[in-house]
Amino acid sequence: MDVAISGLGIACLPDFMVRRPIERGELVSVLETQVEHEGTFRLLWPSSKHLAPKLRVFIDFMVETLFTGKAVP
């Protein structure tokens, strides 16, 4: 992403990574018709009887940020 922001090339990156730079005008979307937006993003963690509160907060944050299109402040 840094290379693209510096104007030294183009990059194909996940939406959640480029949402803010596009909003700020640092990046411009190109070749939109050539890109297929599909894929799977997974969060994996060791199974245990009790989920650590920090992990629960992180999972909730990732789900909200990745799947609702909200920008990270």
Protein backbone atom coordinates (compact mmCIF):
# COMPACT_ATOMS: atom_id res chain seq x y z
CA MET A 1 0.00 0.00 0.00
CA ASP A 2 2.86 2.41 0.80
CA VAL A 3 4.23 2.00 -2.73
CA ALA A 4 0.84 2.85 -4.24
CA ILE A 5 0.34 5.82 -1.92
CA SER A 6 3.81 7.08 -2.92
CA GLY A 7 2.76 6.95 -6.58
CA LEU A 8 5.27 4.24 -7.46
CA GLY A 9 2.83 1.55 -8.58
CA ILE A 10 -0.58 -0.02 -8.21
CA ALA A 11 -1.75 -2.57 -5.67
CA CYS A 12 -4.56 -5.08 -5.34
CA LEU A 13 -5.48 -5.01 -1.66
CA PRO A 14 -8.48 -5.94 0.50
CA ASP A 15 -11.22 -3.33 0.80
CA PHE A 16 -10.71 -2.95 4.55
CA MET A 17 -7.07 -1.93 3.99
CA VAL A 18 -7.71 0.77 1.39
CA ARG A 19 -11.04 2.19 2.58
CA ARG A 20 -9.48 5.03 4.61
CA PRO A 21 -6.73 5.99 2.11
CA ILE A 22 -9.36 6.18 -0.65
CA GLU A 23 -11.61 8.37 1.55
CA ARG A 24 -8.65 10.68 2.27
CA GLY A 25 -7.77 10.89 -1.44
CA GLU A 26 -4.40 9.18 -0.96
CA LEU A 27 -5.39 6.31 -3.26
CA VAL A 28 -7.59 6.11 -6.33
CA SER A 29 -9.37 2.95 -7.42
CA VAL A 30 -8.36 1.80 -10.92
CA LEU A 31 -9.20 -1.24 -13.03
CA GLU A 32 -12.43 -1.64 -11.04
CA THR A 33 -14.03 -3.74 -13.79
CA GLN A 34 -11.07 -6.14 -13.82
CA VAL A 35 -11.13 -7.05 -10.12
CA GLU A 36 -13.34 -9.79 -8.70
CA HIS A 37 -14.16 -9.13 -5.07
CA GLU A 38 -14.32 -12.52 -3.47
CA GLY A 39 -12.44 -14.40 -0.86
CA THR A 40 -12.56 -15.59 2.69
CA PHE A 41 -11.18 -13.92 5.77
CA ARG A 42 -10.85 -16.15 8.82
CA LEU A 43 -10.01 -15.54 12.45
CA LEU A 44 -8.62 -18.59 14.22
CA TRP A 45 -7.88 -19.01 17.90
CA PRO A 46 -7.16 -21.94 20.23
CA SER A 47 -10.30 -23.59 21.48
CA SER A 48 -11.00 -23.29 25.17
CA LYS A 49 -13.98 -23.44 27.45
CA HIS A 50 -13.80 -19.70 28.17
CA LEU A 51 -13.02 -17.03 25.59
CA ALA A 52 -10.68 -14.32 26.89
CA PRO A 53 -12.45 -10.94 27.06
CA LYS A 54 -9.67 -9.28 25.01
CA LEU A 55 -10.12 -11.84 22.25
CA ARG A 56 -13.91 -11.38 22.25
CA VAL A 57 -13.47 -7.59 21.87
CA PHE A 58 -10.99 -8.11 19.02
CA ILE A 59 -13.31 -10.54 17.20
CA ASP A 60 -16.26 -8.16 17.58
CA PHE A 61 -14.12 -5.28 16.28
CA MET A 62 -12.94 -7.24 13.23
CA VAL A 63 -16.45 -8.39 12.35
CA GLU A 64 -17.83 -4.86 12.65
CA THR A 65 -14.95 -3.30 10.72
CA LEU A 66 -14.63 -5.85 7.93
CA PHE A 67 -18.22 -6.69 7.23
CA THR A 68 -20.12 -3.47 7.86
CA GLY A 69 -17.78 -1.24 5.89
CA LYS A 70 -17.14 1.05 8.86
CA ALA A 71 -13.88 2.94 8.70
CA VAL A 72 -11.44 2.59 11.56
CA PRO A 73 -10.85 5.97 13.27
